[in-house]
Amino acid sequence: MTVTAPAPLSTPSRSPGAVDGPAAPDAGCRVVERIDECSRLLDDARRAGLTVGLVPTMGALHAGHRSLVERAAAECDLVVVTVFVNPLQFGDPGDIEHYPRTLSADVAVAAAAGAGLVFAPPVVEMYPGFPAPVATTVTVAGVADRWEGASRPGHFDGVATVVAKLFAMAGRCRAYFGEKDFQQLAVVRRLAADLSLPVEVVGCPIVRDPDGLALSSRNVRLSADERRAALALSRALRAGAAAIAAGERDAGAVGRAMAEVAAAEPLVALDYAVAVDAGDLRPADRLGPDVPVRLLIAAQVGPVRLIDNLDPARHPKGTR
């Protein structure tokens, strides 16, 4: 859709060509660092009759992120992409230290995909006083407790806290999240519903490389051998889906079938491989074509923790 941006977005508040933040400007895409400025621009857009789409990211944008921005641009008049490496959701200092930061490239990707605004705040803008402990955090009980929540204590508190802040800043909007982080999507949906936030959370399909590897910003840290080994995750998910399609109704057996595939790859250290209820992420009581189930897998591959998932109803024979 072609939309003319409201005056506050298209007219720079500083000298021509200047942008807020360290990234170079891209045609039609403004970069801001401050919460109050971003919030004001989005309020101005709504007053001008435009709808707002929000795409929260931690940067290092790839084709999966691009698909979210393109979806948002197709459904909303103005899209804001947030780029913020959130320290509250990292338990391992080494993980956040090595997380890729490519803001200039991210702005270019966001603009090419249809974004009109990039919000790229420094840490102290989001958490004044950091690295002092953040006094107010958000916890989503239940859906956040298992799997990634159990393996990465505090991770989803960090996710919920930053997402709540971004939703508060953005106001009424549609927010786009990838299904690759399926548990995160469930946490965000529960957060928005429980707090009655004026945000429609939209889940978008996983984007994969042609060989089946789910796209992730962390993939760049894999060596060639580790990347080949990482394909065991998608193979394991396909094996689980194939087992269900063949008539397996024991969720534990499906999990074991996935684990066997992962175990065959020596560079993969499996954390979990499970069949869960797609709604509350509890271990599935039963399996069948009429039961909403999600297959989840997580493993350490070299220096990187990778997650993936599959809807066996969409891929009954384990197809990509």
Protein backbone atom coordinates (compact mmCIF):
# COMPACT_ATOMS: atom_id res chain seq x y z
CA MET A 1 0.00 0.00 0.00
CA THR A 2 1.22 3.51 -0.84
CA VAL A 3 0.71 6.05 1.94
CA THR A 4 1.81 9.63 2.41
CA ALA A 5 3.42 9.98 5.84
CA PRO A 6 2.15 12.69 8.17
CA ALA A 7 4.11 15.92 8.35
CA PRO A 8 5.85 15.21 11.68
CA LEU A 9 7.41 12.08 10.18
CA SER A 10 8.41 13.46 6.79
CA THR A 11 9.67 16.82 8.04
CA PRO A 12 12.93 16.45 9.98
CA SER A 13 13.18 18.25 13.30
CA ARG A 14 16.88 18.90 12.72
CA SER A 15 18.93 20.00 9.69
CA PRO A 16 18.20 18.29 6.35
CA GLY A 17 19.78 14.84 6.17
CA ALA A 18 20.26 14.60 9.93
CA VAL A 19 18.79 11.68 11.85
CA ASP A 20 18.41 10.79 15.49
CA GLY A 21 20.90 8.05 16.32
CA PRO A 22 24.14 6.68 14.91
CA ALA A 23 22.73 5.05 11.79
CA ALA A 24 22.81 6.69 8.40
CA PRO A 25 19.39 7.74 7.14
CA ASP A 26 17.63 5.78 4.42
CA ALA A 27 15.18 7.39 2.03
CA GLY A 28 11.80 7.65 3.71
CA CYS A 29 12.92 6.03 6.98
CA ARG A 30 13.60 8.13 10.06
CA VAL A 31 15.71 6.92 12.98
CA VAL A 32 14.94 8.07 16.52
CA GLU A 33 16.46 7.19 19.88
CA ARG A 34 14.05 8.69 22.42
CA ILE A 35 10.86 7.09 23.70
CA ASP A 36 8.97 10.38 23.90
CA GLU A 37 9.84 11.32 20.32
CA CYS A 38 8.86 7.95 18.91
CA SER A 39 5.61 7.96 20.85
CA ARG A 40 4.81 11.48 19.62
CA LEU A 41 5.43 10.53 15.99
CA LEU A 42 3.13 7.52 16.26
CA ASP A 43 0.43 9.61 17.96
CA ASP A 44 0.73 12.14 15.14
CA ALA A 45 0.34 9.36 12.59
CA ARG A 46 -2.85 8.08 14.22
CA ARG A 47 -4.26 11.60 14.42
CA ALA A 48 -3.63 11.84 10.67
CA GLY A 49 -5.76 8.73 10.22
CA LEU A 50 -2.93 6.23 9.72
CA THR A 51 -2.72 2.78 11.26
CA VAL A 52 0.50 1.73 12.99
CA GLY A 53 2.41 -1.53 12.71
CA LEU A 54 5.15 -2.39 15.22
CA VAL A 55 7.97 -4.87 14.56
CA PRO A 56 10.12 -5.37 17.70
CA THR A 57 13.61 -6.76 16.97
CA MET A 58 17.05 -6.99 18.51
CA GLY A 59 18.63 -6.00 15.21
CA ALA A 60 20.92 -8.02 12.94
CA LEU A 61 17.95 -8.13 10.60
CA HIS A 62 17.67 -11.04 8.17
CA ALA A 63 15.07 -12.31 5.72
CA GLY A 64 12.85 -13.49 8.57
CA HIS A 65 12.70 -9.98 10.03
CA ARG A 66 12.19 -8.57 6.56
CA SER A 67 9.13 -10.77 6.12
CA LEU A 68 7.66 -9.32 9.33
CA VAL A 69 8.22 -5.75 8.15
CA GLU A 70 6.74 -6.55 4.73
CA ARG A 71 3.68 -8.12 6.35
CA ALA A 72 3.27 -5.09 8.60
CA ALA A 73 3.67 -2.69 5.65
CA ALA A 74 1.03 -4.60 3.70
CA GLU A 75 -1.47 -4.32 6.57
CA CYS A 76 -0.62 -0.97 8.18
CA ASP A 77 -0.02 2.56 6.96
CA LEU A 78 3.08 3.31 9.04
CA VAL A 79 5.54 0.69 10.27
CA VAL A 80 8.02 1.24 13.10
CA VAL A 81 10.83 -1.27 13.56
CA THR A 82 12.48 -1.28 16.97
CA VAL A 83 16.14 -2.25 17.21
CA PHE A 84 17.24 -2.87 20.78
CA VAL A 85 19.50 -5.58 22.20
CA ASN A 86 17.68 -6.05 25.48
CA PRO A 87 20.11 -6.87 28.32
CA LEU A 88 17.32 -8.08 30.63
CA GLN A 89 16.69 -11.20 28.55
CA PHE A 90 20.31 -12.40 28.46
CA GLY A 91 21.48 -14.67 31.26
CA ASP A 92 24.91 -15.29 29.74
CA PRO A 93 27.13 -12.18 29.58
CA GLY A 94 29.05 -13.77 26.72
CA ASP A 95 25.88 -14.14 24.68
CA ILE A 96 24.99 -10.46 24.79
CA GLU A 97 28.62 -9.47 24.27
CA HIS A 98 28.77 -11.41 21.01
CA TYR A 99 25.27 -10.60 19.81
CA PRO A 100 25.65 -8.92 16.39
CA ARG A 101 24.96 -5.19 16.16
CA THR A 102 24.48 -3.85 12.63
CA LEU A 103 22.29 -0.77 12.95
CA SER A 104 23.13 0.92 9.64
CA ALA A 105 22.39 -2.29 7.74
CA ASP A 106 19.25 -2.81 9.83
CA VAL A 107 17.92 0.62 8.86
CA ALA A 108 18.50 -0.18 5.20
CA VAL A 109 16.68 -3.52 5.48
CA ALA A 110 13.79 -1.97 7.39
CA ALA A 111 13.40 0.87 4.90
CA ALA A 112 13.55 -1.43 1.88
CA ALA A 113 10.85 -3.62 3.44
CA GLY A 114 8.50 -0.68 3.96
CA ALA A 115 9.26 0.76 7.41
CA GLY A 116 8.91 4.51 7.89
CA LEU A 117 10.50 4.70 11.32
CA VAL A 118 13.26 2.89 13.20
CA PHE A 119 13.40 3.23 16.99
CA ALA A 120 16.94 2.44 18.15
CA PRO A 121 17.36 3.57 21.76
CA PRO A 122 20.48 3.32 23.90
CA VAL A 123 20.19 1.09 26.95
CA VAL A 124 19.86 4.01 29.37
CA GLU A 125 16.87 5.32 27.43
CA MET A 126 15.00 2.07 28.03
CA TYR A 127 16.38 1.45 31.53
CA PRO A 128 17.46 4.70 33.23
CA GLY A 129 20.20 4.01 35.74
CA PHE A 130 21.36 0.82 34.02
CA PRO A 131 23.37 -1.25 34.95
CA ALA A 132 21.68 -0.74 38.31
CA PRO A 133 18.91 -3.34 38.73
CA VAL A 134 15.61 -2.46 37.09
CA ALA A 135 13.05 -1.92 39.86
CA THR A 136 9.93 -2.79 37.87
CA THR A 137 9.78 -5.89 35.73
CA VAL A 138 6.96 -7.95 34.21
CA THR A 139 6.42 -11.66 34.81
CA VAL A 140 4.04 -13.83 32.79
CA ALA A 141 3.35 -16.97 34.81
CA GLY A 142 2.42 -20.33 33.37
CA VAL A 143 3.18 -20.13 29.68
CA ALA A 144 6.67 -18.78 30.43
CA ASP A 145 7.62 -21.36 33.05
CA ARG A 146 8.67 -24.34 30.94
CA TRP A 147 11.15 -25.01 28.14
CA GLU A 148 13.04 -21.76 27.45
CA GLY A 149 11.77 -20.36 30.73
CA ALA A 150 13.24 -23.29 32.66
CA SER A 151 16.50 -23.38 30.70
CA ARG A 152 17.04 -19.61 30.78
CA PRO A 153 15.81 -18.30 34.16
CA GLY A 154 14.68 -14.70 33.95
CA HIS A 155 14.71 -14.67 30.14
CA PHE A 156 10.98 -14.19 29.69
CA ASP A 157 10.80 -11.60 32.47
CA GLY A 158 13.24 -9.60 30.35
CA VAL A 159 11.20 -10.21 27.20
CA ALA A 160 7.91 -9.29 28.88
CA THR A 161 9.39 -6.16 30.44
CA VAL A 162 10.82 -4.74 27.23
CA VAL A 163 7.74 -5.67 25.19
CA ALA A 164 5.47 -4.00 27.75
CA LYS A 165 7.57 -0.84 27.45
CA LEU A 166 7.48 -0.95 23.65
CA PHE A 167 3.72 -1.51 23.63
CA ALA A 168 3.24 1.41 26.03
CA MET A 169 5.36 3.62 23.77
CA ALA A 170 3.67 2.53 20.54
CA GLY A 171 0.05 2.81 21.67
CA ARG A 172 -2.74 1.33 19.57
CA CYS A 173 -1.15 -0.80 16.89
CA ARG A 174 -0.64 -4.23 15.39
CA ALA A 175 2.58 -5.92 16.57
CA TYR A 176 4.30 -8.54 14.44
CA PHE A 177 6.33 -11.44 15.87
CA GLY A 178 7.83 -14.47 14.18
CA GLU A 179 6.62 -17.94 15.08
CA LYS A 180 10.21 -19.18 15.27
CA ASP A 181 10.25 -17.93 18.88
CA PHE A 182 6.96 -19.72 19.50
CA GLN A 183 7.06 -19.59 23.29
CA GLN A 184 7.94 -15.91 23.17
CA LEU A 185 4.92 -15.32 20.92
CA ALA A 186 2.71 -17.11 23.45
CA VAL A 187 4.15 -15.00 26.29
CA VAL A 188 3.57 -11.76 24.37
CA ARG A 189 -0.01 -12.71 23.52
CA ARG A 190 -0.74 -13.49 27.15
CA LEU A 191 0.90 -10.24 28.27
CA ALA A 192 -1.21 -8.14 25.89
CA ALA A 193 -4.42 -9.94 26.86
CA ASP A 194 -3.86 -9.87 30.62
CA LEU A 195 -2.90 -6.19 30.70
CA SER A 196 -5.66 -5.17 28.24
CA LEU A 197 -3.13 -3.44 26.03
CA PRO A 198 -4.50 -1.92 22.80
CA VAL A 199 -2.23 -4.10 20.68
CA GLU A 200 -3.17 -6.86 18.24
CA VAL A 201 -0.37 -9.43 18.32
CA VAL A 202 0.19 -11.03 14.91
CA GLY A 203 2.19 -14.24 14.57
CA CYS A 204 4.03 -14.73 11.27
CA PRO A 205 5.39 -17.97 9.74
CA ILE A 206 8.98 -19.13 10.22
CA VAL A 207 11.35 -18.24 7.39
CA ARG A 208 13.92 -20.92 6.56
CA ASP A 209 16.94 -21.27 4.35
CA PRO A 210 16.38 -23.68 1.42
CA ASP A 211 18.02 -26.49 3.40
CA GLY A 212 15.52 -26.09 6.24
CA LEU A 213 17.53 -24.14 8.84
CA ALA A 214 15.34 -21.56 10.59
CA LEU A 215 16.75 -18.08 10.14
CA SER A 216 18.26 -16.56 13.27
CA SER A 217 20.56 -13.62 13.95
CA ARG A 218 22.74 -16.06 15.87
CA ASN A 219 23.37 -18.25 12.81
CA VAL A 220 26.24 -15.95 11.77
CA ARG A 221 28.23 -17.28 14.73
CA LEU A 222 28.13 -20.86 13.45
CA SER A 223 31.11 -22.34 11.64
CA ALA A 224 30.48 -24.21 8.40
CA ASP A 225 30.52 -27.56 10.26
CA GLU A 226 28.28 -26.24 13.03
CA ARG A 227 25.81 -24.87 10.52
CA ARG A 228 25.58 -28.28 8.86
CA ALA A 229 25.08 -29.85 12.28
CA ALA A 230 22.32 -27.34 13.10
CA LEU A 231 20.19 -28.86 10.34
CA ALA A 232 19.58 -31.73 12.78
CA LEU A 233 17.01 -29.52 14.53
CA SER A 234 14.74 -29.17 11.52
CA ARG A 235 15.29 -32.86 10.65
CA ALA A 236 14.23 -33.81 14.17
CA LEU A 237 11.06 -31.74 13.90
CA ARG A 238 10.21 -33.35 10.58
CA ALA A 239 10.75 -36.78 12.14
CA GLY A 240 8.30 -35.89 14.93
CA ALA A 241 5.70 -34.65 12.44
CA ALA A 242 6.14 -37.78 10.34
CA ALA A 243 5.62 -39.97 13.41
CA ILE A 244 2.34 -38.21 14.18
CA ALA A 245 1.25 -38.53 10.54
CA ALA A 246 2.02 -42.26 10.72
CA GLY A 247 -0.36 -42.64 13.65
CA GLU A 248 1.79 -42.15 16.76
CA ARG A 249 -0.40 -40.80 19.56
CA ASP A 250 2.08 -40.87 22.45
CA ALA A 251 3.66 -37.44 22.88
CA GLY A 252 6.60 -38.97 24.72
CA ALA A 253 7.32 -41.29 21.80
CA VAL A 254 7.24 -38.35 19.41
CA GLY A 255 9.70 -36.49 21.60
CA ARG A 256 12.00 -39.51 21.67
CA ALA A 257 11.86 -39.78 17.88
CA MET A 258 12.99 -36.17 17.62
CA ALA A 259 15.70 -36.65 20.25
CA GLU A 260 17.13 -39.65 18.38
CA VAL A 261 17.62 -37.57 15.26
CA ALA A 262 19.34 -34.80 17.21
CA ALA A 263 21.52 -37.30 19.11
CA ALA A 264 22.87 -38.65 15.82
CA GLU A 265 24.66 -35.34 15.27
CA PRO A 266 27.69 -35.12 17.63
CA LEU A 267 27.96 -31.32 17.44
CA VAL A 268 24.40 -30.90 18.76
CA ALA A 269 23.81 -30.88 22.54
CA LEU A 270 20.05 -31.30 22.90
CA ASP A 271 18.19 -29.43 25.62
CA TYR A 272 14.62 -30.55 24.87
CA ALA A 273 12.52 -32.02 22.07
CA VAL A 274 8.83 -32.12 22.97
CA ALA A 275 5.27 -32.15 21.67
CA VAL A 276 3.20 -29.55 23.50
CA ASP A 277 -0.29 -28.11 23.54
CA ALA A 278 -0.09 -25.16 21.15
CA GLY A 279 -2.20 -22.99 23.46
CA ASP A 280 -0.60 -23.23 26.91
CA LEU A 281 2.65 -25.06 25.97
CA ARG A 282 2.04 -27.83 28.49
CA PRO A 283 3.19 -31.31 27.46
CA ALA A 284 0.52 -32.66 25.13
CA ASP A 285 -1.93 -35.14 26.71
CA ARG A 286 -2.89 -36.63 23.37
CA LEU A 287 -2.04 -36.28 19.73
CA GLY A 288 -4.20 -36.38 16.65
CA PRO A 289 -5.32 -34.40 13.61
CA ASP A 290 -7.91 -32.51 15.68
CA VAL A 291 -5.51 -31.53 18.49
CA PRO A 292 -3.54 -28.24 18.27
CA VAL A 293 0.03 -29.39 18.90
CA ARG A 294 3.41 -27.74 18.45
CA LEU A 295 6.73 -29.54 18.26
CA LEU A 296 9.51 -27.65 20.05
CA ILE A 297 13.25 -28.24 20.05
CA ALA A 298 16.25 -26.45 21.55
CA ALA A 299 19.94 -27.32 21.46
CA GLN A 300 23.41 -25.91 21.83
CA VAL A 301 25.40 -26.00 18.60
CA GLY A 302 28.94 -24.81 19.12
CA PRO A 303 28.75 -21.39 20.80
CA VAL A 304 25.10 -20.84 19.91
CA ARG A 305 21.81 -21.87 21.46
CA LEU A 306 19.27 -22.55 18.73
CA ILE A 307 15.52 -23.10 18.92
CA ASP A 308 13.03 -24.25 16.32
CA ASN A 309 9.46 -25.52 16.14
CA LEU A 310 6.95 -27.02 13.76
CA ASP A 311 3.18 -27.25 13.47
CA PRO A 312 2.56 -30.90 12.50
CA ALA A 313 -0.89 -30.03 11.19
CA ARG A 314 0.66 -27.70 8.61
CA HIS A 315 3.44 -30.16 7.82
CA PRO A 316 1.85 -33.59 8.38
CA LYS A 317 4.70 -35.47 6.72
CA GLY A 318 7.44 -33.28 8.00
CA THR A 319 7.70 -31.22 4.86
CA ARG A 320 9.40 -27.82 5.04
